[in-house]
Each structure stands twice: as structure tokens, then as C-alpha cells.
Amino acid sequence: MDKKVKIYTTPSCVYCKMTKELFKKHNIEYEESDVASDPKAREDMVNKSHQLGVPVIDIDGEIFVGFDRSALAKALDIKI
């Protein structure tokens, strides 16, 4: 699978950790941006999702807000 995956997170976000654990379990490579410490990443995230909540996950341009295991599994073509 060669999908480009990017996740916007904050250090204290439980759902961000859950999303990253799902990625790790299924060997999904991803790029992570901490929007708490990176204003440019925060601006990019808001431009993509139109909100401030995390996690925001960008899978090949498809935007997911929050941890939705089934939607992420479908987008990444993984079994949960």
C-alpha cells in the first residue's frame, strides 16, 4: 500500500495515540505534525479540516477528523 498518510496531533490527545497505535499495528507509514508546537502545521490542518480538533488524518487527500477506526480501516484497506 502506497498511500500518503499524515496525522495532525497534540501530545495530550488520547485519540491521536489510538490512531498512531492502529497505524503501528498495521505497519502504516505516516508523517506526524504536532499542531501544539508547530503553527504552520496547525494552519495546514485548519485549512484542510476547517476545525481545531485533533486528530486530523489526511490519507491521500481524504480528510478524517477524530478517531474513526472503521473509516480509517476502509480508507487504508486494512482489517480491524
PDB file of N, CA and C in Angstrom:
ATOM      1  N   MET A   1       0.842  -1.183   0.000  1.00  0.00           N
ATOM      2  CA  MET A   1       0.000   0.000   0.000  1.00  0.00           C
ATOM      3  C   MET A   1       0.882   1.238   0.000  1.00  0.00           C
ATOM      4  N   ASP A   2       0.675   2.094  -0.947  1.00  0.00           N
ATOM      5  CA  ASP A   2       1.481   3.304  -1.060  1.00  0.00           C
ATOM      6  C   ASP A   2       0.641   4.560  -0.896  1.00  0.00           C
ATOM      7  N   LYS A   3      -0.185   4.578   0.110  1.00  0.00           N
ATOM      8  CA  LYS A   3      -0.978   5.777   0.370  1.00  0.00           C
ATOM      9  C   LYS A   3      -0.163   6.727   1.234  1.00  0.00           C
ATOM     10  N   LYS A   4      -0.311   8.017   0.949  1.00  0.00           N
ATOM     11  CA  LYS A   4       0.379   9.024   1.750  1.00  0.00           C
ATOM     12  C   LYS A   4      -0.518   9.366   2.939  1.00  0.00           C
ATOM     13  N   VAL A   5       0.017   9.164   4.138  1.00  0.00           N
ATOM     14  CA  VAL A   5      -0.756   9.357   5.359  1.00  0.00           C
ATOM     15  C   VAL A   5      -0.061  10.406   6.222  1.00  0.00           C
ATOM     16  N   LYS A   6      -0.844  11.387   6.638  1.00  0.00           N
ATOM     17  CA  LYS A   6      -0.332  12.425   7.534  1.00  0.00           C
ATOM     18  C   LYS A   6      -1.332  12.590   8.670  1.00  0.00           C
ATOM     19  N   ILE A   7      -0.812  12.708   9.891  1.00  0.00           N
ATOM     20  CA  ILE A   7      -1.681  12.899  11.051  1.00  0.00           C
ATOM     21  C   ILE A   7      -1.248  14.156  11.800  1.00  0.00           C
ATOM     22  N   TYR A   8      -2.229  14.968  12.121  1.00  0.00           N
ATOM     23  CA  TYR A   8      -2.015  16.183  12.913  1.00  0.00           C
ATOM     24  C   TYR A   8      -2.435  15.853  14.337  1.00  0.00           C
ATOM     25  N   THR A   9      -1.531  16.092  15.291  1.00  0.00           N
ATOM     26  CA  THR A   9      -1.750  15.654  16.663  1.00  0.00           C
ATOM     27  C   THR A   9      -1.392  16.743  17.664  1.00  0.00           C
ATOM     28  N   THR A  10      -1.710  16.453  18.939  1.00  0.00           N
ATOM     29  CA  THR A  10      -1.163  17.190  20.082  1.00  0.00           C
ATOM     30  C   THR A  10      -0.638  16.125  21.056  1.00  0.00           C
ATOM     31  N   PRO A  11       0.328  16.489  21.882  1.00  0.00           N
ATOM     32  CA  PRO A  11       0.923  15.498  22.782  1.00  0.00           C
ATOM     33  C   PRO A  11      -0.055  14.851  23.760  1.00  0.00           C
ATOM     34  N   SER A  12      -1.086  15.577  24.182  1.00  0.00           N
ATOM     35  CA  SER A  12      -2.000  15.050  25.203  1.00  0.00           C
ATOM     36  C   SER A  12      -3.244  14.364  24.635  1.00  0.00           C
ATOM     37  N   CYS A  13      -3.332  14.235  23.336  1.00  0.00           N
ATOM     38  CA  CYS A  13      -4.538  13.708  22.682  1.00  0.00           C
ATOM     39  C   CYS A  13      -4.590  12.178  22.727  1.00  0.00           C
ATOM     40  N   VAL A  14      -5.561  11.650  23.467  1.00  0.00           N
ATOM     41  CA  VAL A  14      -5.735  10.198  23.584  1.00  0.00           C
ATOM     42  C   VAL A  14      -6.104   9.584  22.235  1.00  0.00           C
ATOM     43  N   TYR A  15      -6.970  10.245  21.483  1.00  0.00           N
ATOM     44  CA  TYR A  15      -7.398   9.690  20.197  1.00  0.00           C
ATOM     45  C   TYR A  15      -6.272   9.716  19.164  1.00  0.00           C
ATOM     46  N   CYS A  16      -5.369  10.680  19.309  1.00  0.00           N
ATOM     47  CA  CYS A  16      -4.184  10.712  18.442  1.00  0.00           C
ATOM     48  C   CYS A  16      -3.336   9.470  18.703  1.00  0.00           C
ATOM     49  N   LYS A  17      -3.140   9.152  19.990  1.00  0.00           N
ATOM     50  CA  LYS A  17      -2.357   7.969  20.361  1.00  0.00           C
ATOM     51  C   LYS A  17      -3.023   6.699  19.837  1.00  0.00           C
ATOM     52  N   MET A  18      -4.344   6.627  19.938  1.00  0.00           N
ATOM     53  CA  MET A  18      -5.064   5.451  19.450  1.00  0.00           C
ATOM     54  C   MET A  18      -4.899   5.297  17.932  1.00  0.00           C
ATOM     55  N   THR A  19      -4.937   6.416  17.226  1.00  0.00           N
ATOM     56  CA  THR A  19      -4.774   6.386  15.780  1.00  0.00           C
ATOM     57  C   THR A  19      -3.376   5.909  15.417  1.00  0.00           C
ATOM     58  N   LYS A  20      -2.368   6.440  16.104  1.00  0.00           N
ATOM     59  CA  LYS A  20      -0.987   6.037  15.824  1.00  0.00           C
ATOM     60  C   LYS A  20      -0.764   4.562  16.169  1.00  0.00           C
ATOM     61  N   GLU A  21      -1.415   4.062  17.220  1.00  0.00           N
ATOM     62  CA  GLU A  21      -1.317   2.642  17.569  1.00  0.00           C
ATOM     63  C   GLU A  21      -1.931   1.776  16.470  1.00  0.00           C
ATOM     64  N   LEU A  22      -3.053   2.219  15.909  1.00  0.00           N
ATOM     65  CA  LEU A  22      -3.669   1.494  14.793  1.00  0.00           C
ATOM     66  C   LEU A  22      -2.711   1.442  13.601  1.00  0.00           C
ATOM     67  N   PHE A  23      -2.095   2.574  13.294  1.00  0.00           N
ATOM     68  CA  PHE A  23      -1.136   2.622  12.187  1.00  0.00           C
ATOM     69  C   PHE A  23       0.030   1.671  12.442  1.00  0.00           C
ATOM     70  N   LYS A  24       0.551   1.706  13.666  1.00  0.00           N
ATOM     71  CA  LYS A  24       1.706   0.871  14.007  1.00  0.00           C
ATOM     72  C   LYS A  24       1.348  -0.615  13.896  1.00  0.00           C
ATOM     73  N   LYS A  25       0.183  -0.982  14.412  1.00  0.00           N
ATOM     74  CA  LYS A  25      -0.261  -2.380  14.394  1.00  0.00           C
ATOM     75  C   LYS A  25      -0.342  -2.917  12.970  1.00  0.00           C
ATOM     76  N   HIS A  26      -0.701  -2.045  12.034  1.00  0.00           N
ATOM     77  CA  HIS A  26      -0.883  -2.474  10.642  1.00  0.00           C
ATOM     78  C   HIS A  26       0.261  -2.011   9.737  1.00  0.00           C
ATOM     79  N   ASN A  27       1.373  -1.598  10.346  1.00  0.00           N
ATOM     80  CA  ASN A  27       2.572  -1.180   9.594  1.00  0.00           C
ATOM     81  C   ASN A  27       2.281  -0.094   8.567  1.00  0.00           C
ATOM     82  N   ILE A  28       1.473   0.883   8.967  1.00  0.00           N
ATOM     83  CA  ILE A  28       1.145   2.015   8.097  1.00  0.00           C
ATOM     84  C   ILE A  28       2.181   3.113   8.360  1.00  0.00           C
ATOM     85  N   GLU A  29       2.908   3.494   7.330  1.00  0.00           N
ATOM     86  CA  GLU A  29       3.849   4.597   7.466  1.00  0.00           C
ATOM     87  C   GLU A  29       3.071   5.907   7.419  1.00  0.00           C
ATOM     88  N   TYR A  30       3.475   6.842   8.269  1.00  0.00           N
ATOM     89  CA  TYR A  30       2.773   8.119   8.319  1.00  0.00           C
ATOM     90  C   TYR A  30       3.728   9.226   8.720  1.00  0.00           C
ATOM     91  N   GLU A  31       3.318  10.433   8.393  1.00  0.00           N
ATOM     92  CA  GLU A  31       4.031  11.629   8.827  1.00  0.00           C
ATOM     93  C   GLU A  31       3.186  12.270   9.915  1.00  0.00           C
ATOM     94  N   GLU A  32       3.833  12.695  10.994  1.00  0.00           N
ATOM     95  CA  GLU A  32       3.111  13.303  12.108  1.00  0.00           C
ATOM     96  C   GLU A  32       3.514  14.763  12.270  1.00  0.00           C
ATOM     97  N   SER A  33       2.529  15.609  12.509  1.00  0.00           N
ATOM     98  CA  SER A  33       2.780  17.022  12.805  1.00  0.00           C
ATOM     99  C   SER A  33       2.097  17.376  14.113  1.00  0.00           C
ATOM    100  N   ASP A  34       2.879  17.931  15.044  1.00  0.00           N
ATOM    101  CA  ASP A  34       2.364  18.357  16.345  1.00  0.00           C
ATOM    102  C   ASP A  34       1.867  19.794  16.217  1.00  0.00           C
ATOM    103  N   VAL A  35       0.547  19.954  16.186  1.00  0.00           N
ATOM    104  CA  VAL A  35      -0.027  21.283  15.982  1.00  0.00           C
ATOM    105  C   VAL A  35       0.054  22.160  17.232  1.00  0.00           C
ATOM    106  N   ALA A  36       0.410  21.565  18.374  1.00  0.00           N
ATOM    107  CA  ALA A  36       0.576  22.359  19.597  1.00  0.00           C
ATOM    108  C   ALA A  36       1.867  23.173  19.537  1.00  0.00           C
ATOM    109  N   SER A  37       2.871  22.659  18.842  1.00  0.00           N
ATOM    110  CA  SER A  37       4.159  23.346  18.813  1.00  0.00           C
ATOM    111  C   SER A  37       4.545  23.872  17.430  1.00  0.00           C
ATOM    112  N   ASP A  38       3.729  23.574  16.413  1.00  0.00           N
ATOM    113  CA  ASP A  38       4.064  23.965  15.042  1.00  0.00           C
ATOM    114  C   ASP A  38       2.925  24.781  14.432  1.00  0.00           C
ATOM    115  N   PRO A  39       3.033  26.126  14.475  1.00  0.00           N
ATOM    116  CA  PRO A  39       1.950  26.977  13.956  1.00  0.00           C
ATOM    117  C   PRO A  39       1.645  26.741  12.478  1.00  0.00           C
ATOM    118  N   LYS A  40       2.652  26.431  11.668  1.00  0.00           N
ATOM    119  CA  LYS A  40       2.426  26.172  10.237  1.00  0.00           C
ATOM    120  C   LYS A  40       1.592  24.903  10.056  1.00  0.00           C
ATOM    121  N   ALA A  41       1.919  23.866  10.834  1.00  0.00           N
ATOM    122  CA  ALA A  41       1.149  22.613  10.774  1.00  0.00           C
ATOM    123  C   ALA A  41      -0.293  22.854  11.213  1.00  0.00           C
ATOM    124  N   ARG A  42      -0.464  23.676  12.266  1.00  0.00           N
ATOM    125  CA  ARG A  42      -1.819  23.993  12.743  1.00  0.00           C
ATOM    126  C   ARG A  42      -2.613  24.700  11.648  1.00  0.00           C
ATOM    127  N   GLU A  43      -1.979  25.640  10.963  1.00  0.00           N
ATOM    128  CA  GLU A  43      -2.633  26.357   9.864  1.00  0.00           C
ATOM    129  C   GLU A  43      -2.999  25.391   8.731  1.00  0.00           C
ATOM    130  N   ASP A  44      -2.091  24.490   8.379  1.00  0.00           N
ATOM    131  CA  ASP A  44      -2.376  23.489   7.344  1.00  0.00           C
ATOM    132  C   ASP A  44      -3.563  22.618   7.740  1.00  0.00           C
ATOM    133  N   MET A  45      -3.576  22.194   9.011  1.00  0.00           N
ATOM    134  CA  MET A  45      -4.650  21.334   9.500  1.00  0.00           C
ATOM    135  C   MET A  45      -6.003  22.043   9.421  1.00  0.00           C
ATOM    136  N   VAL A  46      -6.040  23.290   9.858  1.00  0.00           N
ATOM    137  CA  VAL A  46      -7.296  24.047   9.835  1.00  0.00           C
ATOM    138  C   VAL A  46      -7.753  24.270   8.393  1.00  0.00           C
ATOM    139  N   ASN A  47      -6.828  24.539   7.498  1.00  0.00           N
ATOM    140  CA  ASN A  47      -7.182  24.717   6.083  1.00  0.00           C
ATOM    141  C   ASN A  47      -7.781  23.445   5.494  1.00  0.00           C
ATOM    142  N   LYS A  48      -7.295  22.292   5.923  1.00  0.00           N
ATOM    143  CA  LYS A  48      -7.795  21.016   5.407  1.00  0.00           C
ATOM    144  C   LYS A  48      -9.115  20.604   6.049  1.00  0.00           C
ATOM    145  N   SER A  49      -9.221  20.802   7.384  1.00  0.00           N
ATOM    146  CA  SER A  49     -10.365  20.252   8.119  1.00  0.00           C
ATOM    147  C   SER A  49     -11.392  21.300   8.529  1.00  0.00           C
ATOM    148  N   HIS A  50     -11.015  22.575   8.483  1.00  0.00           N
ATOM    149  CA  HIS A  50     -11.884  23.681   8.894  1.00  0.00           C
ATOM    150  C   HIS A  50     -12.258  23.621  10.370  1.00  0.00           C
ATOM    151  N   GLN A  51     -11.384  22.999  11.183  1.00  0.00           N
ATOM    152  CA  GLN A  51     -11.613  22.983  12.622  1.00  0.00           C
ATOM    153  C   GLN A  51     -10.309  22.765  13.364  1.00  0.00           C
ATOM    154  N   LEU A  52     -10.366  22.896  14.699  1.00  0.00           N
ATOM    155  CA  LEU A  52      -9.176  22.798  15.523  1.00  0.00           C
ATOM    156  C   LEU A  52      -9.029  21.464  16.244  1.00  0.00           C
ATOM    157  N   GLY A  53     -10.031  20.605  16.165  1.00  0.00           N
ATOM    158  CA  GLY A  53      -9.964  19.322  16.867  1.00  0.00           C
ATOM    159  C   GLY A  53      -8.936  18.393  16.252  1.00  0.00           C
ATOM    160  N   VAL A  54      -8.318  17.573  17.101  1.00  0.00           N
ATOM    161  CA  VAL A  54      -7.365  16.562  16.647  1.00  0.00           C
ATOM    162  C   VAL A  54      -7.837  15.191  17.115  1.00  0.00           C
ATOM    163  N   PRO A  55      -7.415  14.138  16.493  1.00  0.00           N
ATOM    164  CA  PRO A  55      -6.527  14.126  15.341  1.00  0.00           C
ATOM    165  C   PRO A  55      -7.250  14.478  14.050  1.00  0.00           C
ATOM    166  N   VAL A  56      -6.472  15.016  13.132  1.00  0.00           N
ATOM    167  CA  VAL A  56      -6.916  15.164  11.748  1.00  0.00           C
ATOM    168  C   VAL A  56      -5.981  14.281  10.939  1.00  0.00           C
ATOM    169  N   ILE A  57      -6.565  13.375  10.165  1.00  0.00           N
ATOM    170  CA  ILE A  57      -5.786  12.437   9.379  1.00  0.00           C
ATOM    171  C   ILE A  57      -6.050  12.699   7.905  1.00  0.00           C
ATOM    172  N   ASP A  58      -4.974  12.824   7.159  1.00  0.00           N
ATOM    173  CA  ASP A  58      -5.043  13.052   5.716  1.00  0.00           C
ATOM    174  C   ASP A  58      -4.506  11.796   5.033  1.00  0.00           C
ATOM    175  N   ILE A  59      -5.388  11.075   4.350  1.00  0.00           N
ATOM    176  CA  ILE A  59      -4.995   9.872   3.627  1.00  0.00           C
ATOM    177  C   ILE A  59      -5.219  10.140   2.150  1.00  0.00           C
ATOM    178  N   ASP A  60      -4.120  10.398   1.453  1.00  0.00           N
ATOM    179  CA  ASP A  60      -4.184  10.721   0.019  1.00  0.00           C
ATOM    180  C   ASP A  60      -5.198  11.826  -0.278  1.00  0.00           C
ATOM    181  N   GLY A  61      -5.251  12.839   0.587  1.00  0.00           N
ATOM    182  CA  GLY A  61      -6.136  13.970   0.360  1.00  0.00           C
ATOM    183  C   GLY A  61      -7.529  13.818   0.939  1.00  0.00           C
ATOM    184  N   GLU A  62      -7.868  12.628   1.430  1.00  0.00           N
ATOM    185  CA  GLU A  62      -9.165  12.415   2.093  1.00  0.00           C
ATOM    186  C   GLU A  62      -8.970  12.726   3.572  1.00  0.00           C
ATOM    187  N   ILE A  63      -9.794  13.617   4.118  1.00  0.00           N
ATOM    188  CA  ILE A  63      -9.611  14.118   5.476  1.00  0.00           C
ATOM    189  C   ILE A  63     -10.558  13.413   6.449  1.00  0.00           C
ATOM    190  N   PHE A  64      -9.982  12.956   7.561  1.00  0.00           N
ATOM    191  CA  PHE A  64     -10.743  12.332   8.640  1.00  0.00           C
ATOM    192  C   PHE A  64     -10.476  13.136   9.901  1.00  0.00           C
ATOM    193  N   VAL A  65     -11.540  13.466  10.622  1.00  0.00           N
ATOM    194  CA  VAL A  65     -11.401  14.211  11.872  1.00  0.00           C
ATOM    195  C   VAL A  65     -11.821  13.290  13.003  1.00  0.00           C
ATOM    196  N   GLY A  66     -10.930  13.131  13.972  1.00  0.00           N
ATOM    197  CA  GLY A  66     -11.205  12.230  15.085  1.00  0.00           C
ATOM    198  C   GLY A  66     -10.800  10.814  14.759  1.00  0.00           C
ATOM    199  N   PHE A  67     -10.949   9.944  15.740  1.00  0.00           N
ATOM    200  CA  PHE A  67     -10.569   8.540  15.592  1.00  0.00           C
ATOM    201  C   PHE A  67     -11.793   7.729  15.220  1.00  0.00           C
ATOM    202  N   ASP A  68     -11.901   7.387  13.950  1.00  0.00           N
ATOM    203  CA  ASP A  68     -12.996   6.557  13.449  1.00  0.00           C
ATOM    204  C   ASP A  68     -12.360   5.302  12.865  1.00  0.00           C
ATOM    205  N   ARG A  69     -12.226   4.292  13.717  1.00  0.00           N
ATOM    206  CA  ARG A  69     -11.498   3.071  13.354  1.00  0.00           C
ATOM    207  C   ARG A  69     -11.998   2.457  12.042  1.00  0.00           C
ATOM    208  N   SER A  70     -13.306   2.338  11.881  1.00  0.00           N
ATOM    209  CA  SER A  70     -13.825   1.676  10.688  1.00  0.00           C
ATOM    210  C   SER A  70     -13.585   2.507   9.426  1.00  0.00           C
ATOM    211  N   ALA A  71     -13.737   3.825   9.517  1.00  0.00           N
ATOM    212  CA  ALA A  71     -13.490   4.675   8.341  1.00  0.00           C
ATOM    213  C   ALA A  71     -12.013   4.654   7.955  1.00  0.00           C
ATOM    214  N   LEU A  72     -11.135   4.678   8.957  1.00  0.00           N
ATOM    215  CA  LEU A  72      -9.700   4.625   8.679  1.00  0.00           C
ATOM    216  C   LEU A  72      -9.321   3.272   8.071  1.00  0.00           C
ATOM    217  N   ALA A  73      -9.883   2.195   8.621  1.00  0.00           N
ATOM    218  CA  ALA A  73      -9.589   0.861   8.095  1.00  0.00           C
ATOM    219  C   ALA A  73     -10.024   0.747   6.639  1.00  0.00           C
ATOM    220  N   LYS A  74     -11.191   1.278   6.340  1.00  0.00           N
ATOM    221  CA  LYS A  74     -11.684   1.238   4.954  1.00  0.00           C
ATOM    222  C   LYS A  74     -10.763   2.054   4.038  1.00  0.00           C
ATOM    223  N   ALA A  75     -10.388   3.248   4.459  1.00  0.00           N
ATOM    224  CA  ALA A  75      -9.542   4.109   3.630  1.00  0.00           C
ATOM    225  C   ALA A  75      -8.159   3.504   3.418  1.00  0.00           C
ATOM    226  N   LEU A  76      -7.671   2.767   4.420  1.00  0.00           N
ATOM    227  CA  LEU A  76      -6.338   2.184   4.343  1.00  0.00           C
ATOM    228  C   LEU A  76      -6.359   0.730   3.861  1.00  0.00           C
ATOM    229  N   ASP A  77      -7.564   0.207   3.641  1.00  0.00           N
ATOM    230  CA  ASP A  77      -7.730  -1.164   3.180  1.00  0.00           C
ATOM    231  C   ASP A  77      -7.077  -2.156   4.146  1.00  0.00           C
ATOM    232  N   ILE A  78      -7.402  -2.007   5.432  1.00  0.00           N
ATOM    233  CA  ILE A  78      -6.893  -2.924   6.447  1.00  0.00           C
ATOM    234  C   ILE A  78      -8.070  -3.561   7.174  1.00  0.00           C
ATOM    235  N   LYS A  79      -7.826  -4.730   7.738  1.00  0.00           N
ATOM    236  CA  LYS A  79      -8.846  -5.436   8.520  1.00  0.00           C
ATOM    237  C   LYS A  79      -8.676  -5.080   9.990  1.00  0.00           C
ATOM    238  N   ILE A  80      -9.806  -4.809  10.656  1.00  0.00           N
ATOM    239  CA  ILE A  80      -9.734  -4.470  12.086  1.00  0.00           C
ATOM    240  C   ILE A  80     -10.463  -5.514  12.911  1.00  0.00           C
TER     241      ILE A  80
END
